[in-house]
Amino acid sequence: MDQKTQNAESIEARVRGLHEQLKKVKWPSQYMFKFIMPNDRNTIDSVLEVLPSVATPRFTSSKNGKYTCITCVMTMPSAEAVMDVTMKACAVKGVMSL
């Protein structure tokens, strides 16, 4: 199995695990989104576009300024809504969800 296939399977397993955890939560509920990405304006803007319009993001830069973290706590209606935002954000090149 090549590295790309292993990475894809690892991501799928993490997504399934997150979805299983989220299904146990009573919705609507508060959820904290946390995304780390290169400190690039286009990447940051792409992530901000997928966050709901009522979001109030907080930005933190790494010590060397190469990376930015966007954190946002908000009330979400369902596990599916959380997964939708997370998957759209992670589809942006270089973005990782914590």
C-alpha atoms as a PDB file:
ATOM      1  CA  MET A   1       0.000   0.000   0.000  1.00  0.00           C
ATOM      2  CA  ASP A   2       1.476   3.361  -0.994  1.00  0.00           C
ATOM      3  CA  GLN A   3       1.689   6.446   1.242  1.00  0.00           C
ATOM      4  CA  LYS A   4      -1.158   8.269  -0.529  1.00  0.00           C
ATOM      5  CA  THR A   5      -3.545   5.343   0.024  1.00  0.00           C
ATOM      6  CA  GLN A   6      -2.505   5.065   3.684  1.00  0.00           C
ATOM      7  CA  ASN A   7      -3.108   8.790   4.200  1.00  0.00           C
ATOM      8  CA  ALA A   8      -6.545   8.596   2.572  1.00  0.00           C
ATOM      9  CA  GLU A   9      -7.525   5.634   4.765  1.00  0.00           C
ATOM     10  CA  SER A  10      -6.256   7.441   7.868  1.00  0.00           C
ATOM     11  CA  ILE A  11      -8.325  10.520   7.029  1.00  0.00           C
ATOM     12  CA  GLU A  12     -11.417   8.391   6.379  1.00  0.00           C
ATOM     13  CA  ALA A  13     -10.985   6.669   9.747  1.00  0.00           C
ATOM     14  CA  ARG A  14     -10.632  10.029  11.542  1.00  0.00           C
ATOM     15  CA  VAL A  15     -13.739  11.379   9.801  1.00  0.00           C
ATOM     16  CA  ARG A  16     -15.765   8.280  10.740  1.00  0.00           C
ATOM     17  CA  GLY A  17     -14.547   8.558  14.337  1.00  0.00           C
ATOM     18  CA  LEU A  18     -15.464  12.247  14.563  1.00  0.00           C
ATOM     19  CA  HIS A  19     -18.906  11.595  13.099  1.00  0.00           C
ATOM     20  CA  GLU A  20     -19.533   8.771  15.599  1.00  0.00           C
ATOM     21  CA  GLN A  21     -18.550  11.074  18.488  1.00  0.00           C
ATOM     22  CA  LEU A  22     -20.757  13.879  17.193  1.00  0.00           C
ATOM     23  CA  LYS A  23     -23.778  11.579  16.873  1.00  0.00           C
ATOM     24  CA  LYS A  24     -23.651  11.069  20.669  1.00  0.00           C
ATOM     25  CA  VAL A  25     -24.115  14.805  21.334  1.00  0.00           C
ATOM     26  CA  LYS A  26     -27.556  16.319  21.906  1.00  0.00           C
ATOM     27  CA  TRP A  27     -28.088  18.944  19.189  1.00  0.00           C
ATOM     28  CA  PRO A  28     -28.192  21.911  18.870  1.00  0.00           C
ATOM     29  CA  SER A  29     -24.944  22.311  20.789  1.00  0.00           C
ATOM     30  CA  GLN A  30     -21.825  24.453  21.058  1.00  0.00           C
ATOM     31  CA  TYR A  31     -18.942  23.230  18.907  1.00  0.00           C
ATOM     32  CA  MET A  32     -15.390  24.542  18.670  1.00  0.00           C
ATOM     33  CA  PHE A  33     -13.886  24.502  15.200  1.00  0.00           C
ATOM     34  CA  LYS A  34     -10.094  24.726  15.069  1.00  0.00           C
ATOM     35  CA  PHE A  35      -8.228  24.827  11.778  1.00  0.00           C
ATOM     36  CA  ILE A  36      -4.488  25.196  11.218  1.00  0.00           C
ATOM     37  CA  MET A  37      -3.170  26.376   7.872  1.00  0.00           C
ATOM     38  CA  PRO A  38      -0.239  28.131   6.208  1.00  0.00           C
ATOM     39  CA  ASN A  39      -0.283  31.875   6.886  1.00  0.00           C
ATOM     40  CA  ASP A  40      -1.538  32.672   3.406  1.00  0.00           C
ATOM     41  CA  ARG A  41      -4.349  35.195   2.844  1.00  0.00           C
ATOM     42  CA  ASN A  42      -6.056  33.112   0.124  1.00  0.00           C
ATOM     43  CA  THR A  43      -6.066  29.988   2.312  1.00  0.00           C
ATOM     44  CA  ILE A  44      -7.381  31.913   5.315  1.00  0.00           C
ATOM     45  CA  ASP A  45     -10.110  33.552   3.209  1.00  0.00           C
ATOM     46  CA  SER A  46     -11.131  30.160   1.791  1.00  0.00           C
ATOM     47  CA  VAL A  47     -11.598  28.753   5.297  1.00  0.00           C
ATOM     48  CA  LEU A  48     -13.517  31.825   6.458  1.00  0.00           C
ATOM     49  CA  GLU A  49     -15.902  31.388   3.512  1.00  0.00           C
ATOM     50  CA  VAL A  50     -17.032  27.958   4.742  1.00  0.00           C
ATOM     51  CA  LEU A  51     -17.723  29.105   8.305  1.00  0.00           C
ATOM     52  CA  PRO A  52     -21.332  30.101   8.978  1.00  0.00           C
ATOM     53  CA  SER A  53     -21.921  33.847   8.663  1.00  0.00           C
ATOM     54  CA  VAL A  54     -22.610  34.199  12.404  1.00  0.00           C
ATOM     55  CA  ALA A  55     -19.124  32.908  13.233  1.00  0.00           C
ATOM     56  CA  THR A  56     -16.690  35.094  15.162  1.00  0.00           C
ATOM     57  CA  PRO A  57     -13.280  33.584  14.435  1.00  0.00           C
ATOM     58  CA  ARG A  58     -10.205  34.092  16.606  1.00  0.00           C
ATOM     59  CA  PHE A  59      -6.800  34.060  14.913  1.00  0.00           C
ATOM     60  CA  THR A  60      -3.508  32.875  16.377  1.00  0.00           C
ATOM     61  CA  SER A  61      -0.176  32.868  14.546  1.00  0.00           C
ATOM     62  CA  SER A  62       2.660  30.425  15.124  1.00  0.00           C
ATOM     63  CA  LYS A  63       5.890  31.702  16.703  1.00  0.00           C
ATOM     64  CA  ASN A  64       7.644  31.951  13.361  1.00  0.00           C
ATOM     65  CA  GLY A  65       4.565  33.309  11.549  1.00  0.00           C
ATOM     66  CA  LYS A  66       4.407  30.467   9.019  1.00  0.00           C
ATOM     67  CA  TYR A  67       1.057  29.137  10.237  1.00  0.00           C
ATOM     68  CA  THR A  68      -2.278  30.539  11.374  1.00  0.00           C
ATOM     69  CA  CYS A  69      -4.881  28.897  13.574  1.00  0.00           C
ATOM     70  CA  ILE A  70      -8.541  29.848  13.265  1.00  0.00           C
ATOM     71  CA  THR A  71     -10.702  28.974  16.281  1.00  0.00           C
ATOM     72  CA  CYS A  72     -14.433  29.533  16.352  1.00  0.00           C
ATOM     73  CA  VAL A  73     -16.996  28.424  18.954  1.00  0.00           C
ATOM     74  CA  MET A  74     -20.606  28.484  17.849  1.00  0.00           C
ATOM     75  CA  THR A  75     -23.943  26.774  18.238  1.00  0.00           C
ATOM     76  CA  MET A  76     -24.439  24.176  15.535  1.00  0.00           C
ATOM     77  CA  PRO A  77     -27.776  22.520  14.715  1.00  0.00           C
ATOM     78  CA  SER A  78     -26.524  18.978  14.077  1.00  0.00           C
ATOM     79  CA  ALA A  79     -23.607  16.592  13.697  1.00  0.00           C
ATOM     80  CA  GLU A  80     -24.097  16.771   9.945  1.00  0.00           C
ATOM     81  CA  ALA A  81     -23.724  20.571   9.988  1.00  0.00           C
ATOM     82  CA  VAL A  82     -20.427  20.236  11.889  1.00  0.00           C
ATOM     83  CA  MET A  83     -19.185  17.594   9.455  1.00  0.00           C
ATOM     84  CA  ASP A  84     -20.186  19.756   6.481  1.00  0.00           C
ATOM     85  CA  VAL A  85     -18.146  22.743   7.707  1.00  0.00           C
ATOM     86  CA  THR A  86     -15.202  20.541   8.699  1.00  0.00           C
ATOM     87  CA  MET A  87     -15.074  18.696   5.375  1.00  0.00           C
ATOM     88  CA  LYS A  88     -15.349  21.907   3.332  1.00  0.00           C
ATOM     89  CA  ALA A  89     -12.576  23.575   5.337  1.00  0.00           C
ATOM     90  CA  CYS A  90     -10.307  20.533   5.098  1.00  0.00           C
ATOM     91  CA  ALA A  91     -10.818  20.428   1.341  1.00  0.00           C
ATOM     92  CA  VAL A  92      -8.816  23.666   1.141  1.00  0.00           C
ATOM     93  CA  LYS A  93      -5.187  22.818   0.347  1.00  0.00           C
ATOM     94  CA  GLY A  94      -2.946  22.917   3.429  1.00  0.00           C
ATOM     95  CA  VAL A  95      -5.778  23.061   6.006  1.00  0.00           C
ATOM     96  CA  MET A  96      -5.856  20.670   8.948  1.00  0.00           C
ATOM     97  CA  SER A  97      -8.681  20.316  11.481  1.00  0.00           C
ATOM     98  CA  LEU A  98      -7.980  19.677  15.153  1.00  0.00           C
END
